Amino acid sequence: MRFFVWLLRAFIFFSLFAFSLHNQHPATLNWAFGYAWNAPMVFMVLAAFAAGTAFGVLAMAPSWWKQRRLARQLAPETPPAKPASPSTDTPEPPPVIPDGV
């Protein structure tokens, strides 16, 4: 299974690499007030991806902080004590994992 995961990763990497090699043509991004950015297309796509990722992380940060604060409030201070078991009980055998997975 790990082989197929690495094969998929290699396919994605080489597909993106080929995409970047085929999109090295200069492009112009026109901003407001006459500003323009001239760069290869691959840099513009990379910048748009990075900006979208940063925006998504920043948009989710307040929700993550709220959930983290709530989890801290609901978490017990100390772990609950386990009930004492008689010494005559035999311990359960560990679960068997098939095929070493």
Protein backbone atom coordinates (compact mmCIF):
# COMPACT_ATOMS: atom_id res chain seq x y z
CA MET A 1 0.00 0.00 0.00
CA ARG A 2 2.85 2.37 0.80
CA PHE A 3 4.22 1.79 -2.68
CA PHE A 4 0.99 3.05 -4.24
CA VAL A 5 0.96 6.11 -1.99
CA TRP A 6 4.52 6.98 -3.04
CA LEU A 7 3.60 6.31 -6.65
CA LEU A 8 0.67 8.73 -6.33
CA ARG A 9 2.90 11.34 -4.71
CA ALA A 10 5.48 10.97 -7.49
CA PHE A 11 2.75 11.34 -10.11
CA ILE A 12 1.44 14.51 -8.49
CA PHE A 13 4.95 15.96 -8.15
CA PHE A 14 5.92 15.27 -11.76
CA SER A 15 2.57 16.56 -13.02
CA LEU A 16 3.06 19.85 -11.16
CA PHE A 17 6.67 20.00 -12.31
CA ALA A 18 5.61 19.56 -15.94
CA PHE A 19 2.90 22.19 -15.42
CA SER A 20 5.49 24.67 -14.18
CA LEU A 21 7.84 23.92 -17.09
CA HIS A 22 5.08 24.49 -19.63
CA ASN A 23 3.93 27.77 -18.04
CA GLN A 24 7.11 29.83 -18.06
CA HIS A 25 5.67 32.36 -20.51
CA PRO A 26 5.66 35.94 -19.30
CA ALA A 27 2.32 37.20 -18.10
CA THR A 28 1.07 40.55 -16.92
CA LEU A 29 -1.19 41.00 -13.93
CA ASN A 30 -2.89 44.40 -14.08
CA TRP A 31 -3.75 46.00 -10.75
CA ALA A 32 -5.74 49.13 -10.03
CA PHE A 33 -4.37 52.63 -10.72
CA GLY A 34 -2.16 51.46 -13.58
CA TYR A 35 0.07 49.14 -11.59
CA ALA A 36 1.16 45.95 -13.33
CA TRP A 37 3.20 42.89 -12.38
CA ASN A 38 5.20 41.15 -15.10
CA ALA A 39 6.37 37.65 -14.18
CA PRO A 40 6.29 34.08 -15.47
CA MET A 41 2.86 32.47 -15.24
CA VAL A 42 4.08 29.79 -12.82
CA PHE A 43 5.05 32.47 -10.26
CA MET A 44 1.62 34.04 -10.50
CA VAL A 45 -0.08 30.68 -9.95
CA LEU A 46 2.23 29.96 -7.01
CA ALA A 47 1.52 33.39 -5.51
CA ALA A 48 -2.24 32.87 -5.88
CA PHE A 49 -1.98 29.45 -4.22
CA ALA A 50 0.10 30.84 -1.34
CA ALA A 51 -2.27 33.78 -0.86
CA GLY A 52 -5.29 31.46 -0.82
CA THR A 53 -3.63 29.14 1.69
CA ALA A 54 -2.68 32.04 3.96
CA PHE A 55 -6.19 33.47 3.73
CA GLY A 56 -7.72 30.09 4.61
CA VAL A 57 -5.45 29.61 7.63
CA LEU A 58 -6.09 33.13 8.89
CA ALA A 59 -9.83 32.74 8.38
CA MET A 60 -9.86 29.53 10.44
CA ALA A 61 -7.58 30.76 13.25
CA PRO A 62 -10.32 32.36 15.43
CA SER A 63 -12.38 29.16 15.24
CA TRP A 64 -9.35 27.04 16.17
CA TRP A 65 -8.57 29.32 19.12
CA LYS A 66 -12.16 29.14 20.33
CA GLN A 67 -12.22 25.32 20.09
CA ARG A 68 -8.88 25.08 21.87
CA ARG A 69 -10.08 27.35 24.70
CA LEU A 70 -13.29 25.31 25.01
CA ALA A 71 -11.35 22.03 25.09
CA ARG A 72 -9.12 23.37 27.87
CA GLN A 73 -12.15 24.39 29.92
CA LEU A 74 -13.81 20.98 29.52
CA ALA A 75 -10.67 18.89 30.09
CA PRO A 76 -10.38 17.45 33.62
CA GLU A 77 -7.48 18.65 35.75
CA THR A 78 -6.36 15.13 36.70
CA PRO A 79 -7.11 11.85 34.98
CA PRO A 80 -9.82 9.78 36.70
CA ALA A 81 -8.61 7.03 39.02
CA LYS A 82 -9.06 3.46 37.81
CA PRO A 83 -10.96 1.11 40.09
CA ALA A 84 -8.81 -1.46 41.84
CA SER A 85 -9.13 -4.95 40.40
CA PRO A 86 -8.57 -8.10 42.41
CA SER A 87 -5.25 -9.84 41.84
CA THR A 88 -7.02 -13.10 40.91
CA ASP A 89 -8.18 -11.67 37.59
CA THR A 90 -6.09 -12.65 34.61
CA PRO A 91 -5.11 -9.81 32.35
CA GLU A 92 -6.57 -9.72 28.88
CA PRO A 93 -4.15 -10.69 26.11
CA PRO A 94 -3.11 -7.87 23.80
CA PRO A 95 -5.14 -7.54 20.61
CA VAL A 96 -3.78 -9.41 17.61
CA ILE A 97 -3.05 -7.23 14.62
CA PRO A 98 -3.36 -9.24 11.39
CA ASP A 99 -0.46 -9.12 8.92
CA GLY A 100 1.55 -6.81 11.16
CA VAL A 101 -0.47 -3.76 10.17
